[in-house]
C-alpha atoms as a PDB file:
ATOM      1  CA  MET A   1      14.886  21.885 -37.667  1.00  0.00           C
ATOM      2  CA  TYR A   2      17.027  20.672 -34.142  1.00  0.00           C
ATOM      3  CA  PHE A   3      17.993  23.081 -31.557  1.00  0.00           C
ATOM      4  CA  LYS A   4      21.903  21.998 -32.125  1.00  0.00           C
ATOM      5  CA  GLN A   5      21.233  23.302 -35.921  1.00  0.00           C
ATOM      6  CA  ILE A   6      19.770  26.980 -34.718  1.00  0.00           C
ATOM      7  CA  GLU A   7      22.625  27.204 -32.528  1.00  0.00           C
ATOM      8  CA  CYS A   8      25.049  26.688 -35.077  1.00  0.00           C
ATOM      9  CA  PHE A   9      22.914  28.401 -37.638  1.00  0.00           C
ATOM     10  CA  VAL A  10      22.755  31.989 -34.727  1.00  0.00           C
ATOM     11  CA  GLN A  11      26.354  31.610 -34.303  1.00  0.00           C
ATOM     12  CA  LEU A  12      27.641  31.703 -37.596  1.00  0.00           C
ATOM     13  CA  ALA A  13      25.263  34.649 -38.503  1.00  0.00           C
ATOM     14  CA  GLU A  14      27.384  36.708 -35.723  1.00  0.00           C
ATOM     15  CA  THR A  15      30.681  35.689 -36.618  1.00  0.00           C
ATOM     16  CA  LEU A  16      30.472  35.049 -40.518  1.00  0.00           C
ATOM     17  CA  ASN A  17      33.215  32.671 -39.793  1.00  0.00           C
ATOM     18  CA  PHE A  18      32.755  28.984 -40.181  1.00  0.00           C
ATOM     19  CA  ASN A  19      36.450  28.395 -38.081  1.00  0.00           C
ATOM     20  CA  THR A  20      35.573  30.613 -35.626  1.00  0.00           C
ATOM     21  CA  THR A  21      31.436  29.276 -35.302  1.00  0.00           C
ATOM     22  CA  ALA A  22      33.171  25.886 -35.031  1.00  0.00           C
ATOM     23  CA  LYS A  23      35.906  26.730 -32.315  1.00  0.00           C
ATOM     24  CA  LEU A  24      32.736  28.349 -30.080  1.00  0.00           C
ATOM     25  CA  LEU A  25      30.798  25.649 -30.577  1.00  0.00           C
ATOM     26  CA  TYR A  26      33.157  22.506 -29.968  1.00  0.00           C
ATOM     27  CA  ILE A  27      33.061  20.607 -33.452  1.00  0.00           C
ATOM     28  CA  SER A  28      34.447  20.024 -36.817  1.00  0.00           C
ATOM     29  CA  GLN A  29      34.037  23.114 -38.994  1.00  0.00           C
ATOM     30  CA  PRO A  30      32.972  20.338 -41.757  1.00  0.00           C
ATOM     31  CA  ALA A  31      30.167  19.564 -38.854  1.00  0.00           C
ATOM     32  CA  VAL A  32      29.553  23.557 -39.030  1.00  0.00           C
ATOM     33  CA  SER A  33      29.137  22.877 -42.989  1.00  0.00           C
ATOM     34  CA  GLN A  34      26.684  19.959 -42.720  1.00  0.00           C
ATOM     35  CA  GLN A  35      24.353  21.452 -40.091  1.00  0.00           C
ATOM     36  CA  ILE A  36      23.756  24.721 -42.086  1.00  0.00           C
ATOM     37  CA  LYS A  37      23.418  22.939 -45.358  1.00  0.00           C
ATOM     38  CA  THR A  38      20.750  20.139 -43.313  1.00  0.00           C
ATOM     39  CA  LEU A  39      18.942  23.148 -42.206  1.00  0.00           C
ATOM     40  CA  GLU A  40      18.694  25.207 -45.576  1.00  0.00           C
ATOM     41  CA  ALA A  41      17.782  21.682 -47.455  1.00  0.00           C
ATOM     42  CA  GLU A  42      14.862  21.171 -44.945  1.00  0.00           C
ATOM     43  CA  PHE A  43      13.570  24.973 -45.258  1.00  0.00           C
ATOM     44  CA  GLY A  44      14.494  25.245 -49.340  1.00  0.00           C
ATOM     45  CA  PHE A  45      16.200  28.388 -49.695  1.00  0.00           C
ATOM     46  CA  LYS A  46      19.262  29.883 -48.840  1.00  0.00           C
ATOM     47  CA  LEU A  47      20.552  31.358 -45.508  1.00  0.00           C
ATOM     48  CA  PHE A  48      24.071  31.959 -46.150  1.00  0.00           C
ATOM     49  CA  ILE A  49      25.865  33.492 -49.434  1.00  0.00           C
ATOM     50  CA  ARG A  50      29.337  31.293 -49.319  1.00  0.00           C
ATOM     51  CA  ASN A  51      32.543  31.558 -51.307  1.00  0.00           C
ATOM     52  CA  LYS A  52      36.236  30.671 -50.637  1.00  0.00           C
ATOM     53  CA  ARG A  53      36.577  34.632 -48.728  1.00  0.00           C
ATOM     54  CA  ASN A  54      33.110  35.513 -47.311  1.00  0.00           C
ATOM     55  CA  VAL A  55      30.149  34.496 -45.652  1.00  0.00           C
ATOM     56  CA  GLU A  56      27.231  36.294 -46.105  1.00  0.00           C
ATOM     57  CA  LEU A  57      23.429  36.320 -44.814  1.00  0.00           C
ATOM     58  CA  THR A  58      20.734  36.423 -47.293  1.00  0.00           C
ATOM     59  CA  PRO A  59      18.124  38.443 -46.540  1.00  0.00           C
ATOM     60  CA  ALA A  60      15.961  34.948 -45.978  1.00  0.00           C
ATOM     61  CA  GLY A  61      19.117  34.389 -43.723  1.00  0.00           C
ATOM     62  CA  VAL A  62      19.228  37.986 -41.980  1.00  0.00           C
ATOM     63  CA  SER A  63      15.194  37.548 -41.496  1.00  0.00           C
ATOM     64  CA  PHE A  64      15.526  34.142 -39.742  1.00  0.00           C
ATOM     65  CA  TYR A  65      18.359  35.198 -37.716  1.00  0.00           C
ATOM     66  CA  THR A  66      16.491  38.447 -36.241  1.00  0.00           C
ATOM     67  CA  ASP A  67      13.243  35.904 -34.641  1.00  0.00           C
ATOM     68  CA  MET A  68      15.711  32.899 -34.081  1.00  0.00           C
ATOM     69  CA  LYS A  69      18.471  34.722 -32.015  1.00  0.00           C
ATOM     70  CA  ASP A  70      15.779  35.485 -29.729  1.00  0.00           C
ATOM     71  CA  VAL A  71      14.158  32.157 -30.166  1.00  0.00           C
ATOM     72  CA  LEU A  72      17.631  30.686 -28.775  1.00  0.00           C
ATOM     73  CA  THR A  73      17.881  33.116 -26.026  1.00  0.00           C
ATOM     74  CA  LYS A  74      14.681  31.666 -24.375  1.00  0.00           C
ATOM     75  CA  THR A  75      15.207  28.326 -25.293  1.00  0.00           C
ATOM     76  CA  ASN A  76      18.936  28.662 -23.252  1.00  0.00           C
ATOM     77  CA  ILE A  77      16.832  30.375 -20.525  1.00  0.00           C
ATOM     78  CA  ALA A  78      14.527  27.887 -20.599  1.00  0.00           C
ATOM     79  CA  ILE A  79      17.238  24.844 -20.399  1.00  0.00           C
ATOM     80  CA  SER A  80      18.892  26.276 -17.444  1.00  0.00           C
ATOM     81  CA  LYS A  81      15.552  27.012 -15.437  1.00  0.00           C
ATOM     82  CA  ALA A  82      14.600  23.352 -15.955  1.00  0.00           C
ATOM     83  CA  LYS A  83      18.032  22.160 -15.286  1.00  0.00           C
ATOM     84  CA  ASN A  84      17.860  23.725 -11.649  1.00  0.00           C
ATOM     85  CA  TYR A  85      14.954  22.168 -10.726  1.00  0.00           C
ATOM     86  CA  ALA A  86      16.773  18.904 -11.434  1.00  0.00           C
ATOM     87  CA  MET A  87      19.470  19.611  -9.172  1.00  0.00           C
ATOM     88  CA  ASN A  88      16.582  20.011  -6.523  1.00  0.00           C
ATOM     89  CA  TYR A  89      16.171  23.948  -6.559  1.00  0.00           C
ATOM     90  CA  LYS A  90      13.559  24.738  -4.566  1.00  0.00           C
ATOM     91  CA  THR A  91      11.896  27.282  -6.724  1.00  0.00           C
ATOM     92  CA  ASN A  92      13.497  30.245  -9.266  1.00  0.00           C
ATOM     93  CA  LEU A  93      12.962  33.488  -9.084  1.00  0.00           C
ATOM     94  CA  SER A  94      13.548  36.124 -12.008  1.00  0.00           C
ATOM     95  CA  ILE A  95      14.630  39.356 -11.048  1.00  0.00           C
ATOM     96  CA  CYS A  96      14.742  42.781 -13.369  1.00  0.00           C
ATOM     97  CA  TYR A  97      16.242  45.954 -12.369  1.00  0.00           C
ATOM     98  CA  GLU A  98      18.060  48.753 -14.176  1.00  0.00           C
ATOM     99  CA  GLY A  99      21.327  48.132 -13.525  1.00  0.00           C
ATOM    100  CA  THR A 100      21.782  51.770 -11.248  1.00  0.00           C
ATOM    101  CA  LEU A 101      24.862  52.513  -9.360  1.00  0.00           C
ATOM    102  CA  PHE A 102      22.800  51.692  -6.255  1.00  0.00           C
ATOM    103  CA  GLU A 103      21.100  49.021  -7.452  1.00  0.00           C
ATOM    104  CA  GLN A 104      24.801  47.493  -8.472  1.00  0.00           C
ATOM    105  CA  GLU A 105      25.695  47.915  -4.712  1.00  0.00           C
ATOM    106  CA  MET A 106      22.640  46.420  -3.440  1.00  0.00           C
ATOM    107  CA  MET A 107      22.138  43.487  -5.785  1.00  0.00           C
ATOM    108  CA  PRO A 108      25.107  41.602  -4.916  1.00  0.00           C
ATOM    109  CA  GLU A 109      24.198  41.858  -0.867  1.00  0.00           C
ATOM    110  CA  ILE A 110      20.540  41.037  -1.625  1.00  0.00           C
ATOM    111  CA  LEU A 111      21.989  37.528  -3.612  1.00  0.00           C
ATOM    112  CA  SER A 112      24.754  37.180  -0.855  1.00  0.00           C
ATOM    113  CA  TYR A 113      22.593  36.798   1.696  1.00  0.00           C
ATOM    114  CA  TYR A 114      20.086  34.259  -0.298  1.00  0.00           C
ATOM    115  CA  ARG A 115      23.274  32.080  -1.327  1.00  0.00           C
ATOM    116  CA  ILE A 116      23.907  32.052   2.705  1.00  0.00           C
ATOM    117  CA  ASN A 117      20.330  31.223   4.204  1.00  0.00           C
ATOM    118  CA  TYR A 118      18.144  30.070   0.855  1.00  0.00           C
ATOM    119  CA  PRO A 119      20.695  28.106  -1.109  1.00  0.00           C
ATOM    120  CA  ASP A 120      17.482  25.836  -2.562  1.00  0.00           C
ATOM    121  CA  ILE A 121      16.229  29.167  -4.362  1.00  0.00           C
ATOM    122  CA  HIS A 122      18.002  30.040  -7.751  1.00  0.00           C
ATOM    123  CA  PHE A 123      18.058  33.798  -9.566  1.00  0.00           C
ATOM    124  CA  TYR A 124      17.648  34.680 -13.020  1.00  0.00           C
ATOM    125  CA  ILE A 125      18.829  37.899 -12.891  1.00  0.00           C
ATOM    126  CA  LYS A 126      18.036  40.273 -16.067  1.00  0.00           C
ATOM    127  CA  HIS A 127      19.038  44.178 -16.708  1.00  0.00           C
ATOM    128  CA  ALA A 128      16.550  46.203 -18.673  1.00  0.00           C
ATOM    129  CA  ASP A 129      15.373  50.032 -18.901  1.00  0.00           C
ATOM    130  CA  TYR A 130      12.558  51.308 -17.020  1.00  0.00           C
ATOM    131  CA  LYS A 131       9.404  50.007 -20.176  1.00  0.00           C
ATOM    132  CA  GLU A 132      11.413  46.912 -20.904  1.00  0.00           C
ATOM    133  CA  SER A 133      11.227  45.943 -16.940  1.00  0.00           C
ATOM    134  CA  LYS A 134       7.558  47.092 -16.487  1.00  0.00           C
ATOM    135  CA  LYS A 135       6.413  44.734 -19.636  1.00  0.00           C
ATOM    136  CA  SER A 136       8.449  41.838 -18.526  1.00  0.00           C
ATOM    137  CA  ILE A 137       6.056  42.212 -15.410  1.00  0.00           C
ATOM    138  CA  ILE A 138       3.067  42.619 -17.304  1.00  0.00           C
ATOM    139  CA  ASP A 139       3.973  39.855 -19.354  1.00  0.00           C
ATOM    140  CA  GLN A 140       5.121  37.752 -16.095  1.00  0.00           C
ATOM    141  CA  LYS A 141       8.895  37.240 -17.442  1.00  0.00           C
ATOM    142  CA  SER A 142       9.901  38.448 -13.984  1.00  0.00           C
ATOM    143  CA  ASP A 143       8.451  37.976 -10.741  1.00  0.00           C
ATOM    144  CA  ILE A 144      10.134  40.984  -9.090  1.00  0.00           C
ATOM    145  CA  ILE A 145      11.134  44.194 -11.005  1.00  0.00           C
ATOM    146  CA  PHE A 146      13.016  47.575  -9.050  1.00  0.00           C
ATOM    147  CA  THR A 147      11.251  50.652 -10.721  1.00  0.00           C
ATOM    148  CA  VAL A 148      10.075  54.096  -9.691  1.00  0.00           C
ATOM    149  CA  GLN A 149       6.180  54.315  -8.574  1.00  0.00           C
ATOM    150  CA  GLU A 150       4.920  55.953 -11.372  1.00  0.00           C
ATOM    151  CA  ASN A 151       6.488  53.348 -14.050  1.00  0.00           C
ATOM    152  CA  ILE A 152       3.979  51.407 -13.058  1.00  0.00           C
ATOM    153  CA  GLN A 153       0.801  53.187 -10.608  1.00  0.00           C
ATOM    154  CA  SER A 154      -1.710  53.178 -13.966  1.00  0.00           C
ATOM    155  CA  TYR A 155      -1.928  49.563 -13.674  1.00  0.00           C
ATOM    156  CA  SER A 156      -4.401  47.710 -11.341  1.00  0.00           C
ATOM    157  CA  GLU A 157      -2.587  44.151 -12.124  1.00  0.00           C
ATOM    158  CA  ILE A 158       0.552  45.262 -10.454  1.00  0.00           C
ATOM    159  CA  SER A 159       1.636  45.515  -6.660  1.00  0.00           C
ATOM    160  CA  TYR A 160       3.932  48.144  -5.965  1.00  0.00           C
ATOM    161  CA  TYR A 161       6.284  48.266  -2.627  1.00  0.00           C
ATOM    162  CA  GLN A 162       8.025  50.864  -1.583  1.00  0.00           C
ATOM    163  CA  LEU A 163      11.654  50.807  -0.479  1.00  0.00           C
ATOM    164  CA  LEU A 164      12.960  54.671  -0.367  1.00  0.00           C
ATOM    165  CA  LYS A 165      11.356  58.304  -1.256  1.00  0.00           C
ATOM    166  CA  SER A 166      13.817  60.353  -2.742  1.00  0.00           C
ATOM    167  CA  THR A 167      14.702  64.148  -3.568  1.00  0.00           C
ATOM    168  CA  PHE A 168      16.550  65.275  -6.457  1.00  0.00           C
ATOM    169  CA  VAL A 169      20.251  66.213  -6.649  1.00  0.00           C
ATOM    170  CA  CYS A 170      22.793  68.569  -8.195  1.00  0.00           C
ATOM    171  CA  VAL A 171      26.126  66.285  -9.238  1.00  0.00           C
ATOM    172  CA  ILE A 172      28.583  68.570  -9.421  1.00  0.00           C
ATOM    173  CA  PRO A 173      32.760  68.722  -9.648  1.00  0.00           C
ATOM    174  CA  LYS A 174      34.539  69.407  -5.997  1.00  0.00           C
ATOM    175  CA  ASP A 175      36.025  71.652  -7.538  1.00  0.00           C
ATOM    176  CA  HIS A 176      32.158  73.653  -9.205  1.00  0.00           C
ATOM    177  CA  ILE A 177      31.322  77.515  -8.117  1.00  0.00           C
ATOM    178  CA  PHE A 178      28.462  76.140  -6.400  1.00  0.00           C
ATOM    179  CA  ALA A 179      30.400  73.501  -3.936  1.00  0.00           C
ATOM    180  CA  LYS A 180      29.536  75.548  -0.910  1.00  0.00           C
ATOM    181  CA  LYS A 181      25.640  76.125  -2.078  1.00  0.00           C
ATOM    182  CA  THR A 182      23.184  74.257   0.613  1.00  0.00           C
ATOM    183  CA  PHE A 183      21.483  74.228  -2.115  1.00  0.00           C
ATOM    184  CA  ILE A 184      20.776  75.183  -5.940  1.00  0.00           C
ATOM    185  CA  GLY A 185      17.691  76.490  -7.385  1.00  0.00           C
ATOM    186  CA  ILE A 186      17.193  75.659 -11.161  1.00  0.00           C
ATOM    187  CA  GLU A 187      17.719  79.758 -11.795  1.00  0.00           C
ATOM    188  CA  ASP A 188      21.343  78.611 -11.088  1.00  0.00           C
ATOM    189  CA  LEU A 189      21.659  76.492 -13.665  1.00  0.00           C
ATOM    190  CA  LYS A 190      20.952  78.954 -16.749  1.00  0.00           C
ATOM    191  CA  ASN A 191      24.775  79.076 -17.526  1.00  0.00           C
ATOM    192  CA  GLU A 192      25.045  76.081 -17.050  1.00  0.00           C
ATOM    193  CA  THR A 193      25.935  72.991 -19.504  1.00  0.00           C
ATOM    194  CA  LEU A 194      23.445  70.389 -18.450  1.00  0.00           C
ATOM    195  CA  ILE A 195      24.075  66.610 -18.910  1.00  0.00           C
ATOM    196  CA  LEU A 196      20.177  65.376 -19.130  1.00  0.00           C
ATOM    197  CA  LEU A 197      18.794  62.026 -19.390  1.00  0.00           C
ATOM    198  CA  ASP A 198      17.548  60.403 -23.099  1.00  0.00           C
ATOM    199  CA  PRO A 199      13.831  62.042 -22.783  1.00  0.00           C
ATOM    200  CA  ILE A 200      12.644  58.291 -24.617  1.00  0.00           C
ATOM    201  CA  LYS A 201      14.591  56.460 -21.970  1.00  0.00           C
ATOM    202  CA  CYS A 202      13.513  58.609 -18.658  1.00  0.00           C
ATOM    203  CA  PRO A 203      11.039  57.914 -16.363  1.00  0.00           C
ATOM    204  CA  PRO A 204       7.895  59.731 -15.619  1.00  0.00           C
ATOM    205  CA  GLU A 205       9.322  61.906 -12.455  1.00  0.00           C
ATOM    206  CA  MET A 206      12.308  62.580 -14.321  1.00  0.00           C
ATOM    207  CA  ALA A 207      10.921  63.550 -17.706  1.00  0.00           C
ATOM    208  CA  ARG A 208       8.958  66.171 -15.398  1.00  0.00           C
ATOM    209  CA  VAL A 209      11.984  68.034 -13.615  1.00  0.00           C
ATOM    210  CA  GLN A 210      13.878  67.662 -17.395  1.00  0.00           C
ATOM    211  CA  ASN A 211      11.114  69.404 -18.854  1.00  0.00           C
ATOM    212  CA  LYS A 212      10.679  72.164 -16.164  1.00  0.00           C
ATOM    213  CA  ILE A 213      14.725  73.369 -16.193  1.00  0.00           C
ATOM    214  CA  GLN A 214      14.871  72.772 -20.142  1.00  0.00           C
ATOM    215  CA  ARG A 215      11.479  75.515 -20.007  1.00  0.00           C
ATOM    216  CA  LEU A 216      13.430  77.918 -16.973  1.00  0.00           C
ATOM    217  CA  CYS A 217      16.810  77.571 -18.558  1.00  0.00           C
ATOM    218  CA  PRO A 218      16.210  78.328 -22.022  1.00  0.00           C
ATOM    219  CA  ASP A 219      19.452  78.984 -23.486  1.00  0.00           C
ATOM    220  CA  ALA A 220      21.329  76.483 -21.175  1.00  0.00           C
ATOM    221  CA  PRO A 221      23.303  74.266 -23.606  1.00  0.00           C
ATOM    222  CA  ILE A 222      21.877  70.661 -23.079  1.00  0.00           C
ATOM    223  CA  LEU A 223      24.158  67.340 -23.656  1.00  0.00           C
ATOM    224  CA  PHE A 224      21.826  64.367 -23.664  1.00  0.00           C
ATOM    225  CA  CYS A 225      23.168  60.818 -21.833  1.00  0.00           C
ATOM    226  CA  ASP A 226      21.140  56.702 -22.325  1.00  0.00           C
ATOM    227  CA  SER A 227      22.470  55.766 -19.087  1.00  0.00           C
ATOM    228  CA  GLU A 228      23.804  56.799 -15.276  1.00  0.00           C
ATOM    229  CA  ILE A 229      26.591  54.955 -16.208  1.00  0.00           C
ATOM    230  CA  ILE A 230      26.876  57.845 -19.555  1.00  0.00           C
ATOM    231  CA  CYS A 231      26.272  60.374 -17.616  1.00  0.00           C
ATOM    232  CA  THR A 232      29.016  59.798 -14.854  1.00  0.00           C
ATOM    233  CA  THR A 233      31.096  59.199 -17.946  1.00  0.00           C
ATOM    234  CA  MET A 234      30.467  62.798 -19.233  1.00  0.00           C
ATOM    235  CA  MET A 235      30.668  64.232 -15.815  1.00  0.00           C
ATOM    236  CA  LYS A 236      34.128  62.890 -15.211  1.00  0.00           C
ATOM    237  CA  GLY A 237      34.824  64.335 -18.404  1.00  0.00           C
ATOM    238  CA  ASN A 238      33.544  67.608 -17.252  1.00  0.00           C
ATOM    239  CA  MET A 239      31.486  67.759 -19.902  1.00  0.00           C
ATOM    240  CA  GLY A 240      28.757  69.664 -17.718  1.00  0.00           C
ATOM    241  CA  ILE A 241      26.640  68.712 -14.342  1.00  0.00           C
ATOM    242  CA  ALA A 242      23.732  66.492 -13.827  1.00  0.00           C
ATOM    243  CA  PHE A 243      21.034  66.176 -11.248  1.00  0.00           C
ATOM    244  CA  MET A 244      19.290  62.925 -10.416  1.00  0.00           C
ATOM    245  CA  PRO A 245      17.475  61.389  -7.498  1.00  0.00           C
ATOM    246  CA  SER A 246      19.769  61.246  -4.655  1.00  0.00           C
ATOM    247  CA  PHE A 247      20.241  57.524  -4.251  1.00  0.00           C
ATOM    248  CA  VAL A 248      21.383  56.917  -7.405  1.00  0.00           C
ATOM    249  CA  ALA A 249      23.828  59.774  -7.571  1.00  0.00           C
ATOM    250  CA  PRO A 250      27.706  58.506  -7.410  1.00  0.00           C
ATOM    251  CA  THR A 251      29.383  59.172  -4.031  1.00  0.00           C
ATOM    252  CA  ASP A 252      33.337  58.956  -4.987  1.00  0.00           C
ATOM    253  CA  GLN A 253      35.668  61.452  -4.491  1.00  0.00           C
ATOM    254  CA  TYR A 254      35.248  63.136  -7.896  1.00  0.00           C
ATOM    255  CA  TYR A 255      31.607  64.812  -6.800  1.00  0.00           C
ATOM    256  CA  LEU A 256      29.466  67.186  -4.601  1.00  0.00           C
ATOM    257  CA  THR A 257      25.908  66.032  -4.578  1.00  0.00           C
ATOM    258  CA  ILE A 258      23.712  68.861  -3.770  1.00  0.00           C
ATOM    259  CA  PRO A 259      19.418  69.114  -3.232  1.00  0.00           C
ATOM    260  CA  LEU A 260      18.167  71.105  -5.820  1.00  0.00           C
ATOM    261  CA  ASP A 261      15.784  72.983  -4.726  1.00  0.00           C
ATOM    262  CA  ILE A 262      12.275  71.844  -6.373  1.00  0.00           C
ATOM    263  CA  THR A 263       9.666  69.976  -4.520  1.00  0.00           C
ATOM    264  CA  GLU A 264       9.474  67.028  -6.419  1.00  0.00           C
ATOM    265  CA  MET A 265      10.087  63.702  -5.156  1.00  0.00           C
ATOM    266  CA  VAL A 266      10.846  60.274  -6.692  1.00  0.00           C
ATOM    267  CA  SER A 267       9.227  56.839  -5.119  1.00  0.00           C
ATOM    268  CA  TYR A 268      11.387  53.844  -5.868  1.00  0.00           C
ATOM    269  CA  GLY A 269      10.924  50.178  -4.856  1.00  0.00           C
ATOM    270  CA  ALA A 270       9.922  46.675  -5.814  1.00  0.00           C
ATOM    271  CA  ALA A 271       6.899  45.535  -8.256  1.00  0.00           C
ATOM    272  CA  TRP A 272       4.843  42.244  -9.251  1.00  0.00           C
ATOM    273  CA  ASN A 273       2.052  40.846 -11.057  1.00  0.00           C
ATOM    274  CA  LYS A 274      -0.679  40.333  -8.265  1.00  0.00           C
ATOM    275  CA  SER A 275      -1.766  36.734 -10.031  1.00  0.00           C
ATOM    276  CA  ASN A 276       1.846  35.496  -9.272  1.00  0.00           C
ATOM    277  CA  LYS A 277       1.359  33.843  -5.773  1.00  0.00           C
ATOM    278  CA  LYS A 278       5.062  32.668  -5.306  1.00  0.00           C
ATOM    279  CA  LYS A 279       5.558  33.035  -1.576  1.00  0.00           C
ATOM    280  CA  GLU A 280       9.001  33.841  -2.105  1.00  0.00           C
ATOM    281  CA  ILE A 281       8.309  37.187  -3.614  1.00  0.00           C
ATOM    282  CA  ARG A 282       6.855  38.227  -0.232  1.00  0.00           C
ATOM    283  CA  ASP A 283       9.789  37.064   1.718  1.00  0.00           C
ATOM    284  CA  PHE A 284      12.449  38.749  -1.500  1.00  0.00           C
ATOM    285  CA  ILE A 285      11.028  42.053  -0.334  1.00  0.00           C
ATOM    286  CA  LYS A 286      11.254  41.471   3.320  1.00  0.00           C
ATOM    287  CA  VAL A 287      14.833  40.732   2.756  1.00  0.00           C
ATOM    288  CA  ALA A 288      15.252  44.168   0.308  1.00  0.00           C
ATOM    289  CA  THR A 289      13.628  46.437   2.966  1.00  0.00           C
ATOM    290  CA  CYS A 290      16.087  45.206   5.337  1.00  0.00           C
ATOM    291  CA  ILE A 291      18.781  45.876   3.449  1.00  0.00           C
ATOM    292  CA  PHE A 292      18.111  49.128   1.342  1.00  0.00           C
ATOM    293  CA  GLY A 293      17.238  50.260   5.014  1.00  0.00           C
ATOM    294  CA  LYS A 294      20.478  49.674   5.896  1.00  0.00           C
ATOM    295  CA  HIS A 295      22.090  51.436   3.339  1.00  0.00           C
ATOM    296  CA  VAL A 296      19.548  54.788   2.825  1.00  0.00           C
ATOM    297  CA  VAL A 297      19.041  57.161   5.642  1.00  0.00           C
END
């Protein structure tokens, strides 16, 4: 079993079309057929059901695809990293973050700084939710993650450096009845449609505040979303109002952010595994601290 055969199998499993797979891999259609036949002969079972009109995965093919698609991704990453070392990069840094609007603003500035000042460091950037990012730092698949403190504070093997501390705000349309308020109390939300983050994907601090609001506003209509980006889209569609840490709130012509009258705060920063001794991690934290400091008052 060779890498090219696996690559061919995964592509065909996703396209279910020999011609499309051949074009994606820049090989001939007969070559695709031969790679699959060779793989099936080696395994001793069929991966695909083929006829003149359709290509379908067999149950064995579905099982094999489920496992091998991740193996292929990891293999490609490993090859890319090895090539980077061969190109005289001094080292690699793997950074994982959740992809908030705030992070999307900060990360390009950090990467641009490194590109100019430390071109011999190669970056691998990964997007993941707070649970996946925590696992990636525990398993040392990421060097650094950006996360809230409560996500990792119970893990003694993880170090954390705070980049900012944030209050919670309500995000409302500029023409909303609350627009002239200095603060918004939870009791003010009783008759509002509220957009909340999916509890399964919700960091602990956010979950506590959401639970508090739901408990004190039992009759308020609730809509759930699975990300800050979806939340912003729903707000633009006038589906409701949202609340979130102030540093991730959108800042554009459509919205106002008004402090929520609660005492809860969120600590946000960078985390890394204590057993990871790369000097570049500490240097990265210093650069991130400087750049975040320019944008956060």
